[in-house]
Amino acid sequence: MVVSTKSKGIKVKIVFVRNHNKKSECLYVLSTDISLNASEIIRIYGNRWSIEVFFKASRSFMKLGKEFQGRSYDRIYQHLRKYLQFPFRLCLQNALSC
């Protein structure tokens, strides 16, 4: 289904995805690229969703939520270096012990 937004008149394609396990549930996926077919929109959404999950897990692991409020490049770099140092050393240690 293609509709236009009220405010700017932008055409948007809406794809309805029904949950096969629960027929009463469905997901609405929107795309401004109306030339894509429904399966392509769903594939792109699936790829994007896995990226979002990765970023959420990364932010949680590296404590980049509310407890870190650095805005400068140097503060962010120092924070990431601190939290990535241990996993990197662990991976390196495991690789060298083989």
PDB file of N, CA and C in Angstrom:
ATOM      1  N   MET A   1       0.844  -1.159   0.000  1.00  0.00           N
ATOM      2  CA  MET A   1       0.000   0.000   0.000  1.00  0.00           C
ATOM      3  C   MET A   1       0.903   1.239   0.000  1.00  0.00           C
ATOM      4  N   VAL A   2       0.626   2.191  -0.856  1.00  0.00           N
ATOM      5  CA  VAL A   2       1.383   3.442  -0.919  1.00  0.00           C
ATOM      6  C   VAL A   2       0.459   4.573  -0.501  1.00  0.00           C
ATOM      7  N   VAL A   3       0.940   5.383   0.445  1.00  0.00           N
ATOM      8  CA  VAL A   3       0.175   6.533   0.921  1.00  0.00           C
ATOM      9  C   VAL A   3       1.084   7.761   0.886  1.00  0.00           C
ATOM     10  N   SER A   4       0.500   8.934   1.031  1.00  0.00           N
ATOM     11  CA  SER A   4       1.272  10.183   1.111  1.00  0.00           C
ATOM     12  C   SER A   4       1.120  10.767   2.499  1.00  0.00           C
ATOM     13  N   THR A   5       2.216  11.325   3.021  1.00  0.00           N
ATOM     14  CA  THR A   5       2.137  11.957   4.331  1.00  0.00           C
ATOM     15  C   THR A   5       1.326  13.243   4.224  1.00  0.00           C
ATOM     16  N   LYS A   6       0.662  13.592   5.317  1.00  0.00           N
ATOM     17  CA  LYS A   6      -0.191  14.779   5.311  1.00  0.00           C
ATOM     18  C   LYS A   6       0.605  16.073   5.212  1.00  0.00           C
ATOM     19  N   SER A   7       1.675  16.166   5.970  1.00  0.00           N
ATOM     20  CA  SER A   7       2.377  17.450   6.054  1.00  0.00           C
ATOM     21  C   SER A   7       3.178  17.795   4.804  1.00  0.00           C
ATOM     22  N   LYS A   8       3.920  16.838   4.257  1.00  0.00           N
ATOM     23  CA  LYS A   8       4.803  17.155   3.127  1.00  0.00           C
ATOM     24  C   LYS A   8       4.431  16.423   1.849  1.00  0.00           C
ATOM     25  N   GLY A   9       3.476  15.535   1.914  1.00  0.00           N
ATOM     26  CA  GLY A   9       3.057  14.804   0.721  1.00  0.00           C
ATOM     27  C   GLY A   9       4.063  13.779   0.234  1.00  0.00           C
ATOM     28  N   ILE A  10       4.927  13.305   1.122  1.00  0.00           N
ATOM     29  CA  ILE A  10       5.936  12.300   0.755  1.00  0.00           C
ATOM     30  C   ILE A  10       5.261  10.940   0.622  1.00  0.00           C
ATOM     31  N   LYS A  11       5.539  10.255  -0.488  1.00  0.00           N
ATOM     32  CA  LYS A  11       4.955   8.934  -0.698  1.00  0.00           C
ATOM     33  C   LYS A  11       5.707   7.895   0.124  1.00  0.00           C
ATOM     34  N   VAL A  12       4.955   7.043   0.808  1.00  0.00           N
ATOM     35  CA  VAL A  12       5.503   6.018   1.687  1.00  0.00           C
ATOM     36  C   VAL A  12       4.815   4.699   1.377  1.00  0.00           C
ATOM     37  N   LYS A  13       5.606   3.647   1.247  1.00  0.00           N
ATOM     38  CA  LYS A  13       5.047   2.309   1.040  1.00  0.00           C
ATOM     39  C   LYS A  13       4.948   1.628   2.398  1.00  0.00           C
ATOM     40  N   ILE A  14       3.788   1.065   2.701  1.00  0.00           N
ATOM     41  CA  ILE A  14       3.559   0.351   3.957  1.00  0.00           C
ATOM     42  C   ILE A  14       3.453  -1.137   3.644  1.00  0.00           C
ATOM     43  N   VAL A  15       4.244  -1.930   4.370  1.00  0.00           N
ATOM     44  CA  VAL A  15       4.204  -3.383   4.207  1.00  0.00           C
ATOM     45  C   VAL A  15       3.697  -3.968   5.521  1.00  0.00           C
ATOM     46  N   PHE A  16       2.700  -4.823   5.443  1.00  0.00           N
ATOM     47  CA  PHE A  16       2.144  -5.484   6.618  1.00  0.00           C
ATOM     48  C   PHE A  16       2.745  -6.880   6.722  1.00  0.00           C
ATOM     49  N   VAL A  17       3.304  -7.196   7.879  1.00  0.00           N
ATOM     50  CA  VAL A  17       3.893  -8.511   8.103  1.00  0.00           C
ATOM     51  C   VAL A  17       3.149  -9.163   9.256  1.00  0.00           C
ATOM     52  N   ARG A  18       2.498 -10.267   8.978  1.00  0.00           N
ATOM     53  CA  ARG A  18       1.718 -10.959   9.998  1.00  0.00           C
ATOM     54  C   ARG A  18       2.576 -11.968  10.720  1.00  0.00           C
ATOM     55  N   ASN A  19       2.412 -12.048  12.038  1.00  0.00           N
ATOM     56  CA  ASN A  19       3.095 -13.036  12.855  1.00  0.00           C
ATOM     57  C   ASN A  19       2.430 -14.393  12.621  1.00  0.00           C
ATOM     58  N   HIS A  20       3.205 -15.371  12.109  1.00  0.00           N
ATOM     59  CA  HIS A  20       2.629 -16.687  11.806  1.00  0.00           C
ATOM     60  C   HIS A  20       2.220 -17.441  13.059  1.00  0.00           C
ATOM     61  N   ASN A  21       2.873 -17.150  14.177  1.00  0.00           N
ATOM     62  CA  ASN A  21       2.539 -17.836  15.428  1.00  0.00           C
ATOM     63  C   ASN A  21       1.335 -17.221  16.122  1.00  0.00           C
ATOM     64  N   LYS A  22       1.145 -15.929  15.962  1.00  0.00           N
ATOM     65  CA  LYS A  22       0.023 -15.228  16.577  1.00  0.00           C
ATOM     66  C   LYS A  22      -0.643 -14.379  15.510  1.00  0.00           C
ATOM     67  N   LYS A  23      -1.719 -14.874  14.947  1.00  0.00           N
ATOM     68  CA  LYS A  23      -2.370 -14.218  13.811  1.00  0.00           C
ATOM     69  C   LYS A  23      -2.886 -12.810  14.138  1.00  0.00           C
ATOM     70  N   SER A  24      -3.109 -12.525  15.418  1.00  0.00           N
ATOM     71  CA  SER A  24      -3.628 -11.204  15.782  1.00  0.00           C
ATOM     72  C   SER A  24      -2.528 -10.133  15.803  1.00  0.00           C
ATOM     73  N   GLU A  25      -1.257 -10.538  15.720  1.00  0.00           N
ATOM     74  CA  GLU A  25      -0.156  -9.584  15.735  1.00  0.00           C
ATOM     75  C   GLU A  25       0.387  -9.352  14.339  1.00  0.00           C
ATOM     76  N   CYS A  26       0.725  -8.094  14.043  1.00  0.00           N
ATOM     77  CA  CYS A  26       1.382  -7.805  12.780  1.00  0.00           C
ATOM     78  C   CYS A  26       2.325  -6.626  12.960  1.00  0.00           C
ATOM     79  N   LEU A  27       3.256  -6.514  12.028  1.00  0.00           N
ATOM     80  CA  LEU A  27       4.264  -5.462  12.043  1.00  0.00           C
ATOM     81  C   LEU A  27       4.045  -4.605  10.806  1.00  0.00           C
ATOM     82  N   TYR A  28       4.126  -3.300  10.970  1.00  0.00           N
ATOM     83  CA  TYR A  28       3.991  -2.373   9.858  1.00  0.00           C
ATOM     84  C   TYR A  28       5.377  -1.808   9.557  1.00  0.00           C
ATOM     85  N   VAL A  29       5.879  -2.055   8.366  1.00  0.00           N
ATOM     86  CA  VAL A  29       7.193  -1.571   7.966  1.00  0.00           C
ATOM     87  C   VAL A  29       6.987  -0.497   6.897  1.00  0.00           C
ATOM     88  N   LEU A  30       7.614   0.666   7.098  1.00  0.00           N
ATOM     89  CA  LEU A  30       7.458   1.788   6.180  1.00  0.00           C
ATOM     90  C   LEU A  30       8.730   2.003   5.377  1.00  0.00           C
ATOM     91  N   SER A  31       8.566   2.399   4.118  1.00  0.00           N
ATOM     92  CA  SER A  31       9.708   2.708   3.273  1.00  0.00           C
ATOM     93  C   SER A  31       9.367   3.903   2.392  1.00  0.00           C
ATOM     94  N   THR A  32      10.311   4.830   2.287  1.00  0.00           N
ATOM     95  CA  THR A  32      10.115   5.970   1.388  1.00  0.00           C
ATOM     96  C   THR A  32      10.565   5.631  -0.029  1.00  0.00           C
ATOM     97  N   ASP A  33      11.220   4.482  -0.195  1.00  0.00           N
ATOM     98  CA  ASP A  33      11.600   4.025  -1.541  1.00  0.00           C
ATOM     99  C   ASP A  33      10.455   3.143  -2.053  1.00  0.00           C
ATOM    100  N   ILE A  34       9.508   3.760  -2.724  1.00  0.00           N
ATOM    101  CA  ILE A  34       8.313   3.028  -3.149  1.00  0.00           C
ATOM    102  C   ILE A  34       8.572   2.105  -4.340  1.00  0.00           C
ATOM    103  N   SER A  35       9.775   2.158  -4.899  1.00  0.00           N
ATOM    104  CA  SER A  35      10.096   1.262  -6.015  1.00  0.00           C
ATOM    105  C   SER A  35      10.453  -0.144  -5.534  1.00  0.00           C
ATOM    106  N   LEU A  36      10.759  -0.296  -4.249  1.00  0.00           N
ATOM    107  CA  LEU A  36      11.107  -1.614  -3.703  1.00  0.00           C
ATOM    108  C   LEU A  36       9.859  -2.469  -3.546  1.00  0.00           C
ATOM    109  N   ASN A  37      10.015  -3.781  -3.756  1.00  0.00           N
ATOM    110  CA  ASN A  37       8.876  -4.658  -3.505  1.00  0.00           C
ATOM    111  C   ASN A  37       8.846  -5.032  -2.018  1.00  0.00           C
ATOM    112  N   ALA A  38       7.765  -5.646  -1.581  1.00  0.00           N
ATOM    113  CA  ALA A  38       7.558  -5.939  -0.161  1.00  0.00           C
ATOM    114  C   ALA A  38       8.656  -6.828   0.419  1.00  0.00           C
ATOM    115  N   SER A  39       9.078  -7.853  -0.305  1.00  0.00           N
ATOM    116  CA  SER A  39      10.106  -8.756   0.234  1.00  0.00           C
ATOM    117  C   SER A  39      11.447  -8.045   0.402  1.00  0.00           C
ATOM    118  N   GLU A  40      11.768  -7.122  -0.491  1.00  0.00           N
ATOM    119  CA  GLU A  40      13.016  -6.366  -0.382  1.00  0.00           C
ATOM    120  C   GLU A  40      12.971  -5.421   0.826  1.00  0.00           C
ATOM    121  N   ILE A  41      11.842  -4.784   1.053  1.00  0.00           N
ATOM    122  CA  ILE A  41      11.679  -3.899   2.211  1.00  0.00           C
ATOM    123  C   ILE A  41      11.849  -4.693   3.502  1.00  0.00           C
ATOM    124  N   ILE A  42      11.243  -5.877   3.556  1.00  0.00           N
ATOM    125  CA  ILE A  42      11.349  -6.721   4.752  1.00  0.00           C
ATOM    126  C   ILE A  42      12.788  -7.192   4.958  1.00  0.00           C
ATOM    127  N   ARG A  43      13.487  -7.548   3.883  1.00  0.00           N
ATOM    128  CA  ARG A  43      14.881  -7.987   3.987  1.00  0.00           C
ATOM    129  C   ARG A  43      15.763  -6.868   4.531  1.00  0.00           C
ATOM    130  N   ILE A  44      15.589  -5.666   4.006  1.00  0.00           N
ATOM    131  CA  ILE A  44      16.379  -4.516   4.465  1.00  0.00           C
ATOM    132  C   ILE A  44      16.070  -4.214   5.927  1.00  0.00           C
ATOM    133  N   TYR A  45      14.797  -4.276   6.296  1.00  0.00           N
ATOM    134  CA  TYR A  45      14.403  -4.043   7.688  1.00  0.00           C
ATOM    135  C   TYR A  45      15.062  -5.072   8.602  1.00  0.00           C
ATOM    136  N   GLY A  46      15.088  -6.339   8.184  1.00  0.00           N
ATOM    137  CA  GLY A  46      15.720  -7.395   8.980  1.00  0.00           C
ATOM    138  C   GLY A  46      17.197  -7.131   9.175  1.00  0.00           C
ATOM    139  N   ASN A  47      17.877  -6.707   8.114  1.00  0.00           N
ATOM    140  CA  ASN A  47      19.301  -6.367   8.239  1.00  0.00           C
ATOM    141  C   ASN A  47      19.495  -5.191   9.188  1.00  0.00           C
ATOM    142  N   ARG A  48      18.678  -4.197   9.052  1.00  0.00           N
ATOM    143  CA  ARG A  48      18.792  -3.008   9.901  1.00  0.00           C
ATOM    144  C   ARG A  48      18.510  -3.356  11.362  1.00  0.00           C
ATOM    145  N   TRP A  49      17.552  -4.231  11.594  1.00  0.00           N
ATOM    146  CA  TRP A  49      17.202  -4.606  12.967  1.00  0.00           C
ATOM    147  C   TRP A  49      18.384  -5.289  13.657  1.00  0.00           C
ATOM    148  N   SER A  50      19.115  -6.155  12.947  1.00  0.00           N
ATOM    149  CA  SER A  50      20.263  -6.817  13.563  1.00  0.00           C
ATOM    150  C   SER A  50      21.345  -5.791  13.919  1.00  0.00           C
ATOM    151  N   ILE A  51      21.489  -4.737  13.123  1.00  0.00           N
ATOM    152  CA  ILE A  51      22.441  -3.673  13.441  1.00  0.00           C
ATOM    153  C   ILE A  51      21.999  -2.940  14.709  1.00  0.00           C
ATOM    154  N   GLU A  52      20.718  -2.642  14.829  1.00  0.00           N
ATOM    155  CA  GLU A  52      20.198  -1.968  16.015  1.00  0.00           C
ATOM    156  C   GLU A  52      20.435  -2.798  17.270  1.00  0.00           C
ATOM    157  N   VAL A  53      20.205  -4.105  17.178  1.00  0.00           N
ATOM    158  CA  VAL A  53      20.433  -5.000  18.317  1.00  0.00           C
ATOM    159  C   VAL A  53      21.908  -4.995  18.697  1.00  0.00           C
ATOM    160  N   PHE A  54      22.804  -5.018  17.693  1.00  0.00           N
ATOM    161  CA  PHE A  54      24.240  -4.972  17.957  1.00  0.00           C
ATOM    162  C   PHE A  54      24.619  -3.687  18.694  1.00  0.00           C
ATOM    163  N   PHE A  55      24.113  -2.531  18.218  1.00  0.00           N
ATOM    164  CA  PHE A  55      24.442  -1.268  18.865  1.00  0.00           C
ATOM    165  C   PHE A  55      23.912  -1.196  20.290  1.00  0.00           C
ATOM    166  N   LYS A  56      22.716  -1.716  20.506  1.00  0.00           N
ATOM    167  CA  LYS A  56      22.160  -1.703  21.862  1.00  0.00           C
ATOM    168  C   LYS A  56      23.012  -2.557  22.795  1.00  0.00           C
ATOM    169  N   ALA A  57      23.414  -3.745  22.342  1.00  0.00           N
ATOM    170  CA  ALA A  57      24.261  -4.606  23.164  1.00  0.00           C
ATOM    171  C   ALA A  57      25.616  -3.957  23.404  1.00  0.00           C
ATOM    172  N   SER A  58      26.171  -3.313  22.389  1.00  0.00           N
ATOM    173  CA  SER A  58      27.467  -2.643  22.531  1.00  0.00           C
ATOM    174  C   SER A  58      27.390  -1.504  23.540  1.00  0.00           C
ATOM    175  N   ARG A  59      26.344  -0.708  23.448  1.00  0.00           N
ATOM    176  CA  ARG A  59      26.190   0.404  24.397  1.00  0.00           C
ATOM    177  C   ARG A  59      26.057  -0.122  25.817  1.00  0.00           C
ATOM    178  N   SER A  60      25.327  -1.215  25.969  1.00  0.00           N
ATOM    179  CA  SER A  60      25.148  -1.802  27.288  1.00  0.00           C
ATOM    180  C   SER A  60      26.466  -2.357  27.821  1.00  0.00           C
ATOM    181  N   PHE A  61      27.194  -3.087  26.990  1.00  0.00           N
ATOM    182  CA  PHE A  61      28.461  -3.694  27.396  1.00  0.00           C
ATOM    183  C   PHE A  61      29.506  -2.641  27.728  1.00  0.00           C
ATOM    184  N   MET A  62      29.579  -1.581  26.927  1.00  0.00           N
ATOM    185  CA  MET A  62      30.594  -0.554  27.120  1.00  0.00           C
ATOM    186  C   MET A  62      30.118   0.591  28.007  1.00  0.00           C
ATOM    187  N   LYS A  63      28.959   0.412  28.628  1.00  0.00           N
ATOM    188  CA  LYS A  63      28.398   1.398  29.547  1.00  0.00           C
ATOM    189  C   LYS A  63      28.316   2.789  28.905  1.00  0.00           C
ATOM    190  N   LEU A  64      27.747   2.835  27.726  1.00  0.00           N
ATOM    191  CA  LEU A  64      27.587   4.114  27.018  1.00  0.00           C
ATOM    192  C   LEU A  64      26.192   4.688  27.190  1.00  0.00           C
ATOM    193  N   GLY A  65      25.482   4.206  28.189  1.00  0.00           N
ATOM    194  CA  GLY A  65      24.136   4.717  28.430  1.00  0.00           C
ATOM    195  C   GLY A  65      24.175   6.006  29.224  1.00  0.00           C
ATOM    196  N   LYS A  66      23.369   6.079  30.260  1.00  0.00           N
ATOM    197  CA  LYS A  66      23.258   7.307  31.054  1.00  0.00           C
ATOM    198  C   LYS A  66      24.499   7.582  31.892  1.00  0.00           C
ATOM    199  N   GLU A  67      25.259   6.507  32.211  1.00  0.00           N
ATOM    200  CA  GLU A  67      26.415   6.751  33.066  1.00  0.00           C
ATOM    201  C   GLU A  67      27.568   7.426  32.341  1.00  0.00           C
ATOM    202  N   PHE A  68      27.544   7.450  31.021  1.00  0.00           N
ATOM    203  CA  PHE A  68      28.606   8.128  30.277  1.00  0.00           C
ATOM    204  C   PHE A  68      27.997   9.278  29.494  1.00  0.00           C
ATOM    205  N   GLN A  69      28.487  10.479  29.761  1.00  0.00           N
ATOM    206  CA  GLN A  69      27.933  11.665  29.103  1.00  0.00           C
ATOM    207  C   GLN A  69      28.993  12.467  28.361  1.00  0.00           C
ATOM    208  N   GLY A  70      30.096  11.833  27.981  1.00  0.00           N
ATOM    209  CA  GLY A  70      31.162  12.545  27.273  1.00  0.00           C
ATOM    210  C   GLY A  70      30.723  13.010  25.899  1.00  0.00           C
ATOM    211  N   ARG A  71      31.091  14.220  25.535  1.00  0.00           N
ATOM    212  CA  ARG A  71      30.716  14.759  24.230  1.00  0.00           C
ATOM    213  C   ARG A  71      31.935  14.965  23.331  1.00  0.00           C
ATOM    214  N   SER A  72      33.099  15.134  23.921  1.00  0.00           N
ATOM    215  CA  SER A  72      34.275  15.403  23.111  1.00  0.00           C
ATOM    216  C   SER A  72      34.850  14.097  22.567  1.00  0.00           C
ATOM    217  N   TYR A  73      35.568  14.215  21.473  1.00  0.00           N
ATOM    218  CA  TYR A  73      36.208  13.051  20.858  1.00  0.00           C
ATOM    219  C   TYR A  73      37.159  12.379  21.843  1.00  0.00           C
ATOM    220  N   ASP A  74      37.952  13.176  22.558  1.00  0.00           N
ATOM    221  CA  ASP A  74      38.935  12.625  23.494  1.00  0.00           C
ATOM    222  C   ASP A  74      38.272  11.832  24.615  1.00  0.00           C
ATOM    223  N   ARG A  75      37.183  12.353  25.172  1.00  0.00           N
ATOM    224  CA  ARG A  75      36.480  11.647  26.260  1.00  0.00           C
ATOM    225  C   ARG A  75      35.888  10.338  25.760  1.00  0.00           C
ATOM    226  N   ILE A  76      35.282  10.351  24.580  1.00  0.00           N
ATOM    227  CA  ILE A  76      34.692   9.129  24.030  1.00  0.00           C
ATOM    228  C   ILE A  76      35.791   8.121  23.725  1.00  0.00           C
ATOM    229  N   TYR A  77      36.890   8.572  23.140  1.00  0.00           N
ATOM    230  CA  TYR A  77      38.007   7.686  22.819  1.00  0.00           C
ATOM    231  C   TYR A  77      38.556   7.036  24.083  1.00  0.00           C
ATOM    232  N   GLN A  78      38.773   7.823  25.142  1.00  0.00           N
ATOM    233  CA  GLN A  78      39.301   7.277  26.389  1.00  0.00           C
ATOM    234  C   GLN A  78      38.345   6.257  26.991  1.00  0.00           C
ATOM    235  N   HIS A  79      37.061   6.554  26.949  1.00  0.00           N
ATOM    236  CA  HIS A  79      36.068   5.643  27.511  1.00  0.00           C
ATOM    237  C   HIS A  79      36.045   4.318  26.747  1.00  0.00           C
ATOM    238  N   LEU A  80      36.006   4.392  25.425  1.00  0.00           N
ATOM    239  CA  LEU A  80      35.990   3.172  24.626  1.00  0.00           C
ATOM    240  C   LEU A  80      37.279   2.372  24.792  1.00  0.00           C
ATOM    241  N   ARG A  81      38.380   3.072  24.854  1.00  0.00           N
ATOM    242  CA  ARG A  81      39.667   2.389  25.035  1.00  0.00           C
ATOM    243  C   ARG A  81      39.686   1.622  26.350  1.00  0.00           C
ATOM    244  N   LYS A  82      39.148   2.232  27.384  1.00  0.00           N
ATOM    245  CA  LYS A  82      39.089   1.599  28.699  1.00  0.00           C
ATOM    246  C   LYS A  82      38.257   0.314  28.653  1.00  0.00           C
ATOM    247  N   TYR A  83      37.089   0.361  28.010  1.00  0.00           N
ATOM    248  CA  TYR A  83      36.198  -0.791  28.003  1.00  0.00           C
ATOM    249  C   TYR A  83      36.556  -1.835  26.948  1.00  0.00           C
ATOM    250  N   LEU A  84      37.292  -1.451  25.920  1.00  0.00           N
ATOM    251  CA  LEU A  84      37.681  -2.419  24.894  1.00  0.00           C
ATOM    252  C   LEU A  84      39.034  -3.063  25.180  1.00  0.00           C
ATOM    253  N   GLN A  85      39.772  -2.499  26.112  1.00  0.00           N
ATOM    254  CA  GLN A  85      41.101  -3.012  26.405  1.00  0.00           C
ATOM    255  C   GLN A  85      41.043  -4.442  26.938  1.00  0.00           C
ATOM    256  N   PHE A  86      40.179  -4.726  27.886  1.00  0.00           N
ATOM    257  CA  PHE A  86      40.097  -6.067  28.471  1.00  0.00           C
ATOM    258  C   PHE A  86      39.661  -7.122  27.454  1.00  0.00           C
ATOM    259  N   PRO A  87      38.551  -6.923  26.700  1.00  0.00           N
ATOM    260  CA  PRO A  87      38.180  -7.952  25.722  1.00  0.00           C
ATOM    261  C   PRO A  87      39.258  -8.183  24.669  1.00  0.00           C
ATOM    262  N   PHE A  88      39.945  -7.106  24.250  1.00  0.00           N
ATOM    263  CA  PHE A  88      41.007  -7.247  23.263  1.00  0.00           C
ATOM    264  C   PHE A  88      42.149  -8.085  23.820  1.00  0.00           C
ATOM    265  N   ARG A  89      42.567  -7.803  25.054  1.00  0.00           N
ATOM    266  CA  ARG A  89      43.649  -8.579  25.666  1.00  0.00           C
ATOM    267  C   ARG A  89      43.253 -10.033  25.836  1.00  0.00           C
ATOM    268  N   LEU A  90      42.005 -10.270  26.207  1.00  0.00           N
ATOM    269  CA  LEU A  90      41.512 -11.645  26.364  1.00  0.00           C
ATOM    270  C   LEU A  90      41.555 -12.386  25.035  1.00  0.00           C
ATOM    271  N   CYS A  91      41.113 -11.752  23.960  1.00  0.00           N
ATOM    272  CA  CYS A  91      41.150 -12.372  22.638  1.00  0.00           C
ATOM    273  C   CYS A  91      42.583 -12.634  22.205  1.00  0.00           C
ATOM    274  N   LEU A  92      43.464 -11.682  22.447  1.00  0.00           N
ATOM    275  CA  LEU A  92      44.859 -11.832  22.084  1.00  0.00           C
ATOM    276  C   LEU A  92      45.500 -12.974  22.865  1.00  0.00           C
ATOM    277  N   GLN A  93      45.210 -13.051  24.149  1.00  0.00           N
ATOM    278  CA  GLN A  93      45.753 -14.104  25.005  1.00  0.00           C
ATOM    279  C   GLN A  93      45.275 -15.475  24.516  1.00  0.00           C
ATOM    280  N   ASN A  94      44.002 -15.572  24.171  1.00  0.00           N
ATOM    281  CA  ASN A  94      43.458 -16.842  23.671  1.00  0.00           C
ATOM    282  C   ASN A  94      44.068 -17.220  22.336  1.00  0.00           C
ATOM    283  N   ALA A  95      44.310 -16.237  21.491  1.00  0.00           N
ATOM    284  CA  ALA A  95      44.898 -16.523  20.176  1.00  0.00           C
ATOM    285  C   ALA A  95      46.346 -16.985  20.303  1.00  0.00           C
ATOM    286  N   LEU A  96      47.094 -16.404  21.226  1.00  0.00           N
ATOM    287  CA  LEU A  96      48.494 -16.763  21.389  1.00  0.00           C
ATOM    288  C   LEU A  96      48.695 -18.083  22.117  1.00  0.00           C
ATOM    289  N   SER A  97      47.701 -18.517  22.869  1.00  0.00           N
ATOM    290  CA  SER A  97      47.833 -19.757  23.638  1.00  0.00           C
ATOM    291  C   SER A  97      47.581 -21.003  22.783  1.00  0.00           C
ATOM    292  N   CYS A  98      47.168 -20.842  21.544  1.00  0.00           N
ATOM    293  CA  CYS A  98      46.880 -21.982  20.666  1.00  0.00           C
ATOM    294  C   CYS A  98      48.145 -22.627  20.132  1.00  0.00           C
TER     295      CYS A  98
END
